[in-house]
N, C-alpha and C. Protein backbone atom coordinates (compact mmCIF):
# COMPACT_ATOMS: atom_id res chain seq x y z
N MET A 1 -9.53 53.02 237.60
CA MET A 1 -9.87 51.95 238.47
C MET A 1 -8.61 51.12 238.92
N GLY A 2 -8.35 51.19 240.16
CA GLY A 2 -7.16 50.41 240.67
C GLY A 2 -5.97 51.19 240.80
N ARG A 3 -5.50 51.28 241.99
CA ARG A 3 -4.24 52.01 242.19
C ARG A 3 -3.05 51.23 241.65
N LEU A 4 -2.02 51.84 241.15
CA LEU A 4 -0.96 51.19 240.51
C LEU A 4 -0.16 50.30 241.42
N SER A 5 -0.21 50.69 242.80
CA SER A 5 0.60 49.83 243.73
C SER A 5 0.03 48.39 243.91
N VAL A 6 -1.13 48.06 243.21
CA VAL A 6 -1.69 46.75 243.45
C VAL A 6 -0.86 45.81 242.46
N ILE A 7 -0.10 46.45 241.59
CA ILE A 7 0.68 45.60 240.62
C ILE A 7 1.97 45.23 241.24
N PRO A 8 2.28 44.03 241.41
CA PRO A 8 3.60 43.61 241.99
C PRO A 8 4.79 44.19 241.24
N GLY A 9 5.70 44.80 241.93
CA GLY A 9 6.83 45.42 241.30
C GLY A 9 6.71 47.01 241.24
N ILE A 10 5.60 47.47 241.35
CA ILE A 10 5.43 48.83 241.33
C ILE A 10 5.35 49.45 242.77
N GLY A 11 6.36 50.21 243.09
CA GLY A 11 6.45 50.77 244.45
C GLY A 11 6.13 52.18 244.39
N ILE A 12 6.33 52.91 245.49
CA ILE A 12 5.80 54.28 245.58
C ILE A 12 6.58 55.10 244.56
N ALA A 13 7.89 54.99 244.43
CA ALA A 13 8.60 55.89 243.49
C ALA A 13 8.13 55.75 242.04
N VAL A 14 7.91 54.52 241.60
CA VAL A 14 7.38 54.25 240.27
C VAL A 14 5.96 54.87 240.15
N GLU A 15 5.12 54.58 241.17
CA GLU A 15 3.66 54.98 241.05
C GLU A 15 3.77 56.55 241.04
N ASN A 16 4.60 57.22 241.81
CA ASN A 16 4.54 58.68 241.82
C ASN A 16 5.01 59.24 240.41
N ARG A 17 6.05 58.61 239.86
CA ARG A 17 6.45 59.03 238.51
C ARG A 17 5.44 58.85 237.44
N LEU A 18 4.74 57.69 237.48
CA LEU A 18 3.78 57.45 236.49
C LEU A 18 2.59 58.53 236.73
N CYS A 19 2.20 58.72 237.87
CA CYS A 19 1.15 59.65 238.25
C CYS A 19 1.39 61.00 237.70
N ARG A 20 2.57 61.47 237.97
CA ARG A 20 2.97 62.83 237.42
C ARG A 20 3.02 62.93 235.94
N ALA A 21 3.12 61.78 235.30
CA ALA A 21 3.00 61.67 233.76
C ALA A 21 1.59 61.41 233.27
N GLY A 22 0.61 61.33 234.21
CA GLY A 22 -0.75 61.16 233.80
C GLY A 22 -1.22 59.72 233.83
N ILE A 23 -0.39 58.84 234.16
CA ILE A 23 -0.83 57.40 234.23
C ILE A 23 -1.11 57.16 235.83
N LYS A 24 -2.53 57.23 236.09
CA LYS A 24 -2.84 57.15 237.46
C LYS A 24 -3.70 56.03 237.89
N SER A 25 -3.86 55.13 236.88
CA SER A 25 -4.83 53.95 237.23
C SER A 25 -4.39 52.70 236.48
N CYS A 26 -4.85 51.47 236.80
CA CYS A 26 -4.48 50.41 236.19
C CYS A 26 -5.02 50.30 234.70
N SER A 27 -6.13 51.01 234.48
CA SER A 27 -6.75 51.18 233.18
C SER A 27 -5.78 51.87 232.28
N GLN A 28 -5.14 53.00 232.74
CA GLN A 28 -4.21 53.66 231.88
C GLN A 28 -3.02 53.03 231.66
N LEU A 29 -2.52 52.31 232.74
CA LEU A 29 -1.32 51.50 232.52
C LEU A 29 -1.54 50.32 231.56
N ALA A 30 -2.68 49.66 231.71
CA ALA A 30 -3.04 48.57 230.77
C ALA A 30 -3.05 49.06 229.31
N ASP A 31 -3.34 50.24 229.04
CA ASP A 31 -3.56 50.75 227.72
C ASP A 31 -2.15 51.41 227.18
N ALA A 32 -1.19 51.54 228.10
CA ALA A 32 0.09 52.08 227.71
C ALA A 32 1.07 51.10 226.93
N SER A 33 2.03 51.67 226.33
CA SER A 33 2.92 50.70 225.66
C SER A 33 4.13 50.60 226.50
N PRO A 34 4.85 49.46 226.44
CA PRO A 34 6.13 49.42 227.25
C PRO A 34 7.17 50.48 227.02
N GLN A 35 7.36 51.01 225.76
CA GLN A 35 8.09 52.08 225.49
C GLN A 35 7.72 53.33 226.17
N GLU A 36 6.48 53.63 226.14
CA GLU A 36 5.91 54.83 226.79
C GLU A 36 6.29 54.82 228.24
N ILE A 37 6.11 53.65 228.98
CA ILE A 37 6.38 53.56 230.30
C ILE A 37 7.85 53.63 230.57
N ARG A 38 8.66 53.05 229.82
CA ARG A 38 10.14 53.23 229.98
C ARG A 38 10.58 54.70 229.76
N GLU A 39 10.00 55.43 228.84
CA GLU A 39 10.42 56.75 228.59
C GLU A 39 9.93 57.63 229.93
N ILE A 40 8.87 57.41 230.42
CA ILE A 40 8.39 58.13 231.59
C ILE A 40 9.23 57.82 232.81
N LEU A 41 9.59 56.60 233.01
CA LEU A 41 10.35 56.22 234.13
C LEU A 41 11.83 56.40 234.05
N GLY A 42 12.36 56.51 232.91
CA GLY A 42 13.84 56.75 232.79
C GLY A 42 14.56 55.64 233.61
N TYR A 43 15.51 55.96 234.39
CA TYR A 43 16.44 55.14 235.12
C TYR A 43 15.57 54.24 236.02
N LEU A 44 14.45 54.58 236.43
CA LEU A 44 13.56 53.59 237.31
C LEU A 44 13.08 52.54 236.56
N ALA A 45 13.16 52.44 235.30
CA ALA A 45 12.67 51.30 234.49
C ALA A 45 13.85 50.29 234.36
N ARG A 46 15.09 50.64 234.67
CA ARG A 46 16.05 49.66 234.53
C ARG A 46 15.87 48.45 235.40
N GLY A 47 15.94 47.25 234.82
CA GLY A 47 15.69 46.03 235.50
C GLY A 47 14.33 45.61 235.88
N SER A 48 13.32 46.44 235.46
CA SER A 48 12.01 46.30 235.63
C SER A 48 11.34 45.64 234.49
N ASP A 49 10.44 44.74 234.70
CA ASP A 49 9.59 44.06 233.76
C ASP A 49 8.39 44.80 233.33
N VAL A 50 8.56 45.91 232.61
CA VAL A 50 7.42 46.79 232.27
C VAL A 50 6.31 46.03 231.58
N GLU A 51 6.67 45.11 230.59
CA GLU A 51 5.71 44.39 229.92
C GLU A 51 4.77 43.55 230.87
N CYS A 52 5.46 43.04 231.90
CA CYS A 52 4.63 42.30 232.99
C CYS A 52 3.78 43.16 233.66
N TRP A 53 4.15 44.35 234.09
CA TRP A 53 3.22 45.30 234.82
C TRP A 53 2.06 45.57 233.88
N ILE A 54 2.20 45.74 232.57
CA ILE A 54 1.12 46.01 231.76
C ILE A 54 0.17 44.88 231.63
N VAL A 55 0.68 43.62 231.56
CA VAL A 55 -0.13 42.41 231.55
C VAL A 55 -0.90 42.32 232.90
N ARG A 56 -0.16 42.57 233.91
CA ARG A 56 -0.86 42.38 235.27
C ARG A 56 -1.90 43.43 235.45
N ALA A 57 -1.70 44.59 234.83
CA ALA A 57 -2.83 45.59 234.93
C ALA A 57 -4.03 45.17 234.12
N GLN A 58 -3.83 44.58 232.98
CA GLN A 58 -4.84 44.08 232.19
C GLN A 58 -5.67 42.94 232.87
N GLU A 59 -4.95 42.07 233.60
CA GLU A 59 -5.52 40.94 234.30
C GLU A 59 -6.30 41.43 235.47
N PHE A 60 -5.78 42.45 236.16
CA PHE A 60 -6.39 43.07 237.30
C PHE A 60 -7.80 43.65 236.85
N LEU A 61 -7.82 44.33 235.62
CA LEU A 61 -9.11 44.87 235.15
C LEU A 61 -9.98 43.85 234.85
N ARG A 62 -9.63 42.74 234.22
CA ARG A 62 -10.51 41.63 233.91
C ARG A 62 -11.11 41.04 235.15
N GLU A 63 -10.32 40.90 236.22
CA GLU A 63 -10.76 40.31 237.43
C GLU A 63 -11.72 41.12 238.22
N HIS A 64 -11.48 42.49 238.01
CA HIS A 64 -12.29 43.40 238.87
C HIS A 64 -13.31 44.17 238.01
N SER A 65 -13.62 43.72 236.81
CA SER A 65 -14.65 44.49 236.11
C SER A 65 -15.99 44.06 236.58
N LEU A 66 -16.94 44.96 236.35
CA LEU A 66 -18.31 44.71 236.87
C LEU A 66 -19.14 44.15 235.72
């Protein structure tokens, strides 16, 4: 549920890299660890607030749950 691009700071390059690694939804991002995301993204993670992305994905899920 929820495309990754709804999370502020996640652009097309990051979304594509995460999708190739199997993280294709906000739910999967919300369940991931910051270390896992950094390992997937490599240099794309530099300067990015990965922890914030995970928190925002969790918030998105809470706000959009049925």
